[in-house]
Protein backbone atom coordinates (compact mmCIF):
# COMPACT_ATOMS: atom_id res chain seq x y z
CA MET A 1 -72.12 -193.64 122.77
CA SER A 2 -75.06 -191.36 124.37
CA ASN A 3 -77.53 -188.99 122.75
CA LEU A 4 -77.93 -187.48 125.74
CA ILE A 5 -76.09 -184.02 126.72
CA PRO A 6 -72.92 -184.68 128.55
CA PRO A 7 -72.48 -184.03 132.22
CA HIS A 8 -71.22 -180.74 133.76
CA GLY A 9 -66.98 -180.15 133.88
CA LYS A 10 -64.08 -180.94 131.72
CA GLU A 11 -64.01 -184.71 131.65
CA GLU A 12 -67.39 -184.90 130.92
CA LYS A 13 -68.27 -187.86 132.66
CA LEU A 14 -70.18 -188.44 135.86
CA MET A 15 -67.94 -188.72 139.11
CA PRO A 16 -69.93 -190.04 141.53
CA LEU A 17 -68.42 -190.06 145.18
CA LEU A 18 -70.69 -192.62 146.76
CA LEU A 19 -68.29 -196.07 147.93
CA LYS A 20 -70.12 -199.03 147.63
CA GLY A 21 -69.53 -203.00 148.58
CA ASP A 22 -66.20 -203.67 150.48
CA GLU A 23 -64.59 -200.51 149.93
CA LEU A 24 -67.68 -199.13 151.81
CA GLN A 25 -67.42 -201.39 154.46
CA ALA A 26 -63.32 -200.95 154.87
CA GLU A 27 -64.11 -196.97 155.19
CA ILE A 28 -67.10 -196.96 157.56
CA LYS A 29 -64.53 -199.42 159.63
CA LYS A 30 -61.73 -196.77 159.50
CA ALA A 31 -64.17 -193.71 160.22
CA GLU A 32 -65.13 -195.19 163.58
CA GLY A 33 -61.39 -194.07 165.11
CA LEU A 34 -61.80 -190.97 163.68
CA LYS A 35 -62.49 -187.42 165.08
CA SER A 36 -66.07 -186.44 164.12
CA ILE A 37 -67.90 -183.34 163.32
CA ARG A 38 -71.51 -182.93 162.93
CA ILE A 39 -72.85 -181.60 159.95
CA THR A 40 -76.15 -179.66 159.18
CA SER A 41 -78.97 -181.02 157.01
CA ARG A 42 -78.08 -178.63 154.04
CA GLU A 43 -74.28 -179.75 154.37
CA THR A 44 -75.51 -183.78 154.97
CA SER A 45 -77.75 -183.20 151.36
CA ASP A 46 -74.77 -181.32 149.31
CA LEU A 47 -72.90 -184.32 150.29
CA ILE A 48 -75.45 -186.62 149.11
CA MET A 49 -75.50 -184.72 145.89
CA MET A 50 -71.78 -185.32 145.33
CA GLY A 51 -71.66 -188.62 146.17
CA ILE A 52 -74.51 -189.64 144.01
CA GLY A 53 -72.39 -187.62 140.89
CA ALA A 54 -75.46 -184.75 140.90
CA PHE A 55 -72.41 -182.45 141.58
CA THR A 56 -70.26 -183.73 139.44
CA PRO A 57 -66.97 -182.15 139.14
CA LEU A 58 -66.78 -181.80 142.78
CA THR A 59 -64.92 -184.15 144.77
CA GLY A 60 -65.42 -182.88 148.01
CA PHE A 61 -66.65 -179.01 150.07
CA MET A 62 -64.72 -175.79 148.60
CA GLY A 63 -61.63 -174.28 149.68
CA LYS A 64 -61.30 -170.59 150.26
CA ALA A 65 -60.14 -169.46 146.65
CA ASP A 66 -62.90 -171.68 145.21
CA TRP A 67 -65.62 -170.14 147.75
CA LYS A 68 -64.87 -166.54 146.26
CA GLY A 69 -64.41 -167.59 143.04
CA VAL A 70 -67.56 -168.88 142.46
CA CYS A 71 -69.54 -165.95 145.02
CA ASP A 72 -67.55 -163.21 142.85
CA ASN A 73 -67.62 -164.40 138.88
CA PHE A 74 -69.83 -168.22 139.15
CA THR A 75 -66.42 -170.18 139.10
CA MET A 76 -63.82 -172.34 140.92
CA ALA A 77 -60.25 -171.91 141.16
CA ASP A 78 -59.55 -174.44 138.24
CA GLY A 79 -62.16 -172.43 136.03
CA THR A 80 -64.80 -174.54 136.47
CA PHE A 81 -68.12 -172.99 136.36
CA TRP A 82 -70.43 -173.29 139.66
CA PRO A 83 -72.93 -170.72 141.03
CA ILE A 84 -73.06 -171.33 144.88
CA PRO A 85 -70.59 -172.32 146.89
CA ILE A 86 -70.85 -175.78 148.45
CA THR A 87 -69.46 -175.65 151.92
CA VAL A 88 -69.12 -177.27 155.38
CA SER A 89 -68.44 -175.78 158.89
CA THR A 90 -67.01 -176.47 162.22
CA ASP A 91 -66.69 -174.84 165.66
CA ASP A 92 -63.95 -177.25 166.35
CA GLU A 93 -60.72 -175.80 166.87
CA GLU A 94 -58.68 -179.08 167.44
CA ILE A 95 -58.85 -180.14 163.37
CA LYS A 96 -56.07 -179.27 161.24
CA GLU A 97 -55.47 -179.11 158.16
CA SER A 98 -54.26 -182.86 157.16
CA ASP A 99 -56.72 -184.60 159.65
CA GLU A 100 -58.99 -186.87 158.06
CA ILE A 101 -62.42 -187.07 159.72
CA ALA A 102 -65.96 -188.59 160.02
CA LEU A 103 -68.66 -186.35 159.14
CA ILE A 104 -72.08 -186.95 161.25
CA ASP A 105 -75.60 -185.97 160.08
CA ASP A 106 -76.67 -183.85 162.69
CA GLU A 107 -80.00 -184.46 162.65
CA THR A 108 -80.21 -188.12 162.32
CA GLY A 109 -76.75 -189.55 163.74
CA THR A 110 -75.91 -191.26 160.69
CA LEU A 111 -72.35 -191.69 159.14
CA MET A 112 -72.87 -189.78 156.17
CA ALA A 113 -68.95 -189.41 154.72
CA THR A 114 -65.31 -189.16 155.62
CA MET A 115 -62.82 -186.10 154.81
CA GLN A 116 -59.72 -185.19 154.38
CA VAL A 117 -59.14 -181.70 155.56
CA ALA A 118 -57.17 -179.73 152.83
CA GLU A 119 -57.92 -176.26 154.43
CA LYS A 120 -59.53 -174.84 157.32
CA TYR A 121 -60.47 -171.27 156.91
CA THR A 122 -62.33 -168.43 157.79
CA ILE A 123 -65.16 -166.42 155.73
CA ASP A 124 -67.07 -163.38 155.72
CA LYS A 125 -70.62 -164.51 155.60
CA GLU A 126 -71.99 -161.09 154.52
CA TYR A 127 -70.14 -161.57 151.69
CA GLU A 128 -71.34 -164.34 150.74
CA CYS A 129 -75.05 -163.82 151.57
CA LYS A 130 -74.50 -160.60 149.27
CA ALA A 131 -73.15 -162.09 146.30
CA VAL A 132 -75.43 -165.25 146.24
CA PHE A 133 -79.17 -163.73 147.84
CA LYS A 134 -78.62 -160.08 147.13
CA THR A 135 -79.46 -159.15 150.81
CA THR A 136 -78.33 -159.81 154.43
CA ASP A 137 -81.60 -159.43 155.84
CA THR A 138 -82.02 -162.69 158.35
CA GLU A 139 -85.80 -163.14 157.59
CA HIS A 140 -84.29 -164.81 154.08
CA PRO A 141 -83.96 -168.22 155.16
CA GLY A 142 -80.81 -169.00 152.81
CA VAL A 143 -79.58 -165.93 154.69
CA GLN A 144 -80.62 -167.69 158.31
CA LYS A 145 -78.67 -170.87 157.35
CA VAL A 146 -75.29 -168.79 155.78
CA MET A 147 -75.33 -166.92 158.91
CA ALA A 148 -75.68 -169.68 161.74
CA GLN A 149 -72.62 -172.01 159.97
CA ALA A 150 -69.85 -172.59 162.18
CA LYS A 151 -66.53 -170.64 162.57
CA TYR A 152 -64.56 -172.40 160.16
CA ASN A 153 -65.34 -174.07 156.78
CA LEU A 154 -63.20 -177.19 156.59
CA ALA A 155 -62.35 -177.87 152.57
CA GLY A 156 -60.94 -181.22 151.05
CA PRO A 157 -62.26 -184.72 149.09
CA VAL A 158 -65.02 -186.72 150.68
CA LYS A 159 -65.78 -190.20 150.17
CA VAL A 160 -69.52 -190.49 150.58
CA LEU A 161 -70.95 -193.19 152.80
CA SER A 162 -74.34 -192.88 153.02
CA GLU A 163 -77.31 -191.40 151.03
CA SER A 164 -79.19 -191.52 154.43
CA TYR A 165 -83.15 -192.44 153.75
CA TYR A 166 -83.91 -191.16 150.94
CA PRO A 167 -83.60 -194.62 148.43
CA GLU A 168 -86.51 -196.30 150.53
CA LYS A 169 -88.31 -193.39 151.62
CA PHE A 170 -88.70 -191.96 148.03
CA LYS A 171 -88.48 -195.40 146.31
CA GLY A 172 -89.49 -195.50 142.78
CA ILE A 173 -88.98 -191.51 142.88
CA TYR A 174 -85.70 -191.09 143.75
CA HIS A 175 -82.98 -190.91 140.88
CA ARG A 176 -79.08 -190.53 140.82
CA PRO A 177 -78.46 -189.30 137.41
CA GLU A 178 -77.13 -192.37 136.33
CA ASP A 179 -81.01 -193.58 137.01
CA SER A 180 -82.52 -190.99 135.15
CA ARG A 181 -79.78 -191.16 132.06
CA LYS A 182 -80.99 -194.60 131.83
CA ILE A 183 -84.69 -193.57 131.75
CA PHE A 184 -84.46 -190.72 128.70
CA GLU A 185 -81.89 -193.50 126.89
CA GLU A 186 -84.40 -196.02 126.99
CA LYS A 187 -87.16 -193.85 125.68
CA GLY A 188 -84.97 -192.15 123.08
CA TRP A 189 -85.02 -189.37 124.14
CA LYS A 190 -82.12 -186.41 123.49
CA ARG A 191 -84.10 -182.89 124.49
CA VAL A 192 -85.03 -183.25 127.98
CA ALA A 193 -86.36 -180.33 129.98
CA ALA A 194 -86.39 -180.35 133.27
CA LEU A 195 -89.26 -178.76 135.56
CA GLN A 196 -88.05 -177.63 139.09
CA LEU A 197 -90.88 -178.34 141.49
CA ARG A 198 -90.91 -177.33 145.26
CA ASN A 199 -94.50 -177.55 145.37
CA PRO A 200 -97.55 -179.69 144.75
CA MET A 201 -98.19 -178.84 140.76
CA HIS A 202 -100.72 -176.39 140.33
CA ARG A 203 -102.04 -175.46 136.80
CA SER A 204 -99.39 -173.53 136.29
CA HIS A 205 -96.91 -175.85 136.46
CA GLU A 206 -99.07 -177.74 134.19
CA TYR A 207 -98.89 -175.71 132.08
CA LEU A 208 -95.05 -175.10 132.02
CA ALA A 209 -94.52 -178.65 131.27
CA LYS A 210 -96.75 -178.71 128.70
CA ILE A 211 -95.27 -176.24 125.97
CA ALA A 212 -91.85 -178.04 126.83
CA VAL A 213 -93.58 -181.24 126.13
CA GLU A 214 -94.74 -179.61 122.86
CA ILE A 215 -91.14 -178.72 121.71
CA MET A 216 -88.77 -181.22 123.72
CA ASP A 217 -88.47 -185.04 123.57
CA GLY A 218 -89.89 -185.06 126.97
CA VAL A 219 -90.28 -183.32 130.24
CA TYR A 220 -88.41 -184.45 133.29
CA ILE A 221 -90.57 -183.39 136.38
CA HIS A 222 -87.59 -183.17 139.05
CA GLN A 223 -88.76 -182.25 142.69
CA LEU A 224 -87.29 -181.90 145.29
CA VAL A 225 -87.60 -184.72 148.23
CA GLY A 226 -85.14 -182.66 151.05
CA LYS A 227 -85.89 -180.71 153.47
CA LEU A 228 -88.14 -177.25 152.75
CA LYS A 229 -88.89 -174.49 155.07
CA PRO A 230 -92.09 -174.63 157.75
CA GLY A 231 -95.12 -174.77 156.34
CA ASP A 232 -94.13 -175.91 152.88
CA ILE A 233 -96.05 -179.24 152.00
CA PRO A 234 -93.82 -182.98 152.70
CA ALA A 235 -92.42 -184.35 149.84
CA ASP A 236 -94.18 -187.81 150.11
CA VAL A 237 -97.59 -185.71 149.61
CA ARG A 238 -96.34 -183.76 146.67
CA VAL A 239 -95.17 -187.20 144.94
CA ARG A 240 -98.55 -188.50 145.14
CA ALA A 241 -100.23 -185.48 144.02
CA ILE A 242 -97.60 -185.21 140.85
CA GLN A 243 -98.05 -189.12 139.83
CA THR A 244 -101.72 -188.22 140.22
CA LEU A 245 -101.39 -185.48 137.70
CA VAL A 246 -98.85 -187.78 135.58
CA ASP A 247 -101.28 -190.39 135.64
CA ASN A 248 -104.12 -188.46 134.56
CA TYR A 249 -103.29 -185.13 132.49
CA PHE A 250 -100.44 -186.12 130.48
CA VAL A 251 -99.63 -188.41 127.40
CA LYS A 252 -98.37 -191.80 128.27
CA ASP A 253 -94.40 -191.69 127.77
CA THR A 254 -93.68 -188.23 127.14
CA VAL A 255 -93.24 -186.83 131.13
CA VAL A 256 -91.10 -188.99 134.02
CA GLN A 257 -91.54 -187.96 137.34
CA GLY A 258 -87.97 -187.80 139.63
CA GLY A 259 -86.73 -186.63 143.18
CA TYR A 260 -83.41 -185.68 144.30
CA PRO A 261 -82.38 -185.05 147.98
CA MET A 262 -80.72 -181.21 148.02
CA GLU A 263 -82.21 -178.69 150.24
CA MET A 264 -83.48 -175.55 148.88
CA ARG A 265 -81.29 -172.40 149.48
CA TYR A 266 -84.09 -169.72 147.89
CA ALA A 267 -81.20 -168.19 145.96
CA GLY A 268 -83.85 -167.23 143.03
CA PRO A 269 -81.39 -166.35 140.04
CA ARG A 270 -78.43 -167.93 141.43
CA GLU A 271 -80.28 -171.09 142.45
CA ALA A 272 -81.71 -171.10 138.79
CA LEU A 273 -78.18 -171.46 137.68
CA LEU A 274 -77.46 -174.51 140.37
CA HIS A 275 -80.44 -175.99 139.43
CA ALA A 276 -79.46 -176.13 135.56
CA THR A 277 -76.11 -177.41 136.62
CA PHE A 278 -77.18 -180.39 138.37
CA ARG A 279 -79.55 -181.29 135.88
CA GLN A 280 -76.80 -181.40 132.73
CA ASN A 281 -75.65 -183.75 134.82
CA TYR A 282 -78.78 -185.54 135.38
CA GLY A 283 -79.14 -185.66 131.36
CA CYS A 284 -81.40 -182.58 130.67
CA SER A 285 -80.64 -180.19 127.93
CA HIS A 286 -82.63 -177.66 129.16
CA MET A 287 -83.98 -176.10 132.38
CA ILE A 288 -87.66 -174.59 132.70
CA ILE A 289 -87.30 -171.37 133.99
CA GLY A 290 -90.62 -169.39 134.86
CA ARG A 291 -91.68 -166.57 137.34
CA ASP A 292 -89.64 -166.08 140.19
CA HIS A 293 -88.13 -169.53 140.13
CA ALA A 294 -86.59 -170.64 143.41
CA GLY A 295 -87.37 -167.41 145.33
CA VAL A 296 -88.94 -166.24 148.43
CA GLY A 297 -90.58 -163.69 149.17
CA ASP A 298 -89.85 -159.93 147.34
CA TYR A 299 -86.59 -160.66 147.30
CA TYR A 300 -86.11 -160.91 143.81
CA GLY A 301 -87.74 -159.68 140.53
CA PRO A 302 -89.98 -162.11 138.79
CA PHE A 303 -87.54 -162.62 136.07
CA ASP A 304 -84.36 -161.97 137.48
CA ALA A 305 -84.04 -166.05 137.20
CA GLN A 306 -84.09 -165.88 133.27
CA LYS A 307 -81.76 -162.55 132.96
CA ILE A 308 -78.73 -164.18 134.92
CA PHE A 309 -78.40 -166.74 132.30
CA ASP A 310 -77.33 -163.86 130.13
CA GLU A 311 -74.94 -162.68 132.55
CA ILE A 312 -72.38 -165.59 133.24
CA PRO A 313 -69.68 -166.33 130.46
CA LYS A 314 -70.70 -167.73 126.79
CA GLY A 315 -70.49 -171.78 127.01
CA ALA A 316 -70.24 -172.06 130.86
CA LEU A 317 -73.11 -174.29 130.53
CA LYS A 318 -74.50 -176.96 128.44
CA CYS A 319 -77.80 -176.97 130.10
CA GLN A 320 -79.39 -174.09 128.43
CA ASN A 321 -82.50 -172.22 129.94
CA LEU A 322 -85.96 -172.56 128.38
CA ASN A 323 -87.79 -169.23 129.60
CA ILE A 324 -91.62 -168.94 129.89
CA ASP A 325 -93.76 -165.93 130.71
CA TRP A 326 -95.59 -165.55 133.35
CA THR A 327 -99.04 -167.96 133.21
CA PHE A 328 -102.09 -167.72 134.98
CA TYR A 329 -105.92 -168.84 133.89
CA CYS A 330 -108.00 -166.19 131.98
CA PHE A 331 -111.44 -166.31 131.91
CA LYS A 332 -111.93 -164.79 128.82
CA CYS A 333 -109.65 -167.13 127.01
CA GLU A 334 -111.37 -170.09 129.22
CA GLY A 335 -107.92 -171.38 129.74
CA MET A 336 -104.11 -171.16 130.77
CA ALA A 337 -102.33 -168.63 128.93
CA SER A 338 -99.34 -166.59 129.54
CA MET A 339 -98.35 -162.60 128.72
CA ARG A 340 -97.02 -163.44 125.19
CA THR A 341 -100.38 -165.20 124.54
CA CYS A 342 -103.25 -163.23 126.18
CA PRO A 343 -104.36 -159.76 125.26
CA HIS A 344 -106.54 -159.37 128.30
CA GLY A 345 -106.64 -157.21 131.14
CA LYS A 346 -105.59 -158.28 134.66
CA GLU A 347 -108.97 -158.35 135.76
CA ASP A 348 -109.69 -161.35 133.90
CA ARG A 349 -107.06 -163.35 135.00
CA LEU A 350 -106.95 -165.67 137.80
CA LEU A 351 -102.76 -165.79 138.92
CA LEU A 352 -102.00 -169.47 140.64
CA SER A 353 -99.05 -169.98 143.04
CA GLY A 354 -97.80 -172.68 145.27
CA THR A 355 -98.54 -169.88 148.38
CA MET A 356 -102.00 -169.31 147.59
CA VAL A 357 -102.75 -172.79 147.68
CA ARG A 358 -101.33 -173.80 150.96
CA LYS A 359 -102.65 -170.26 152.95
CA THR A 360 -105.96 -171.10 151.34
CA LEU A 361 -106.17 -175.09 152.12
CA SER A 362 -103.95 -174.71 155.52
CA GLU A 363 -106.75 -172.28 156.49
CA GLY A 364 -109.58 -174.59 155.40
CA GLY A 365 -110.44 -172.26 152.58
CA GLU A 366 -111.89 -173.26 148.93
CA LEU A 367 -109.99 -173.29 145.95
CA PRO A 368 -111.44 -172.22 142.54
CA PRO A 369 -110.89 -175.87 140.03
CA GLN A 370 -108.54 -173.35 137.98
CA PHE A 371 -106.16 -173.80 140.27
CA SER A 372 -105.63 -177.39 140.10
CA ARG A 373 -106.64 -180.47 139.05
CA PRO A 374 -109.61 -182.19 141.29
CA GLU A 375 -107.16 -185.15 141.84
CA VAL A 376 -104.43 -183.31 143.43
CA LEU A 377 -106.82 -180.68 145.29
CA GLU A 378 -107.98 -183.70 147.17
CA ILE A 379 -104.94 -185.39 148.26
CA LEU A 380 -103.84 -181.93 149.40
CA LYS A 381 -107.28 -181.34 151.28
CA GLU A 382 -106.70 -184.80 152.71
CA TYR A 383 -103.24 -183.75 154.15
CA TYR A 384 -104.49 -180.53 155.77
CA GLN A 385 -107.34 -182.29 157.38
CA SER A 386 -105.06 -184.79 158.88
CA LEU A 387 -102.82 -181.83 160.10
CA GLU A 388 -106.34 -180.43 161.94
CA GLU A 389 -106.97 -183.54 163.45
CA LYS A 390 -103.50 -183.74 165.25
CA VAL A 391 -104.12 -180.14 166.39
CA GLU A 392 -107.71 -181.74 167.84
CA ILE A 393 -105.84 -184.40 169.23
CA LYS A 394 -103.34 -182.13 171.05
CA LEU A 395 -105.62 -179.78 172.66
CA HIS A 396 -107.78 -182.65 173.71
CA GLY A 397 -104.68 -183.95 175.11
CA ALA A 398 -103.36 -181.23 177.17
CA ALA A 399 -107.04 -180.26 178.26
CA THR A 400 -107.43 -183.73 180.00
CA GLY A 401 -104.33 -184.35 180.80
CA GLU A 402 -103.31 -187.17 178.67
CA VAL A 403 -100.47 -187.53 176.83
CA LYS A 404 -100.68 -188.05 172.97
CA LYS A 405 -97.44 -188.70 170.85
CA ASP A 406 -97.77 -187.85 166.88
């Protein structure tokens, strides 16, 4: 028997939908003769999350009753807790209920899955945006994606045939839930806190992780390696930066770095719930929720993502929220602190954020050492310098008439 928290859902067992071996080859062959639709990068990443069991207990894309239940009260039609609709859409008028179809990633052309269409329906996109994002402002990156969805949603069970490029590109970092659970069990961990990351770790992230290390058996630094919005730092750069920090500033065997293939929705409070839901499948008993978790712009209050855990039905999630106050560097305290531990005024505090790191480095500025460790800053500076060199090469090519490829 495992000491770890059980997976999400009534059956409390992982339900990966990724086919293997002869079954996989047979399904790939069958897919050649099926109607196909192209799916977006977000839909592809959701498929992979279902494939590896991270979205247990989902068996496919949601129908209208599930969609409405999730929007209205965080539950699917069968009563299972789920915070954000997981859907796929098409403009294909010819696809009918009961059809079997193939799902093709629109960006890579990869055959991702087959699907038995159980339902074809339309939704009120603005209704979903208000429920999930608390806004219909099309400047919000998550709203943009929902509003750009095709006319019809398709629902039904899927058989996942590929994990795309993730296992190869992020070898050693890319984890399926069965992988992280095995790692935690081998280390003897039971109480495991997940730290969600989509940025390189600055000192506030490091501080959050170290607070959790004090009270947990271990911390899972779990970063998104799926698609982000323009301007965000690429996953391979973040992996290097985080591993450097882990190797030099954490006690051995207190933290593990992993990556997962989901695409950000920037849904703030609702996404915090989704993060906790699938982290339960990864074996994490707690989810660290700090300031503006999964937020973007000023759409959410700084601690809305903590408050929402008190609004869901009691017992809906076994993975508990580990709330940590606003953290910063205090010059009078001479170290990292939080609102709960630092008595000094805002004039003595240096607020740290991934946005500030990106903006300063992308503009060629220098960050004070309180922002991030020197080893991490070197990796980030190297990345931004490479971007500048690419721009210079392109400008030179345009001026001389030479064609340069990235």
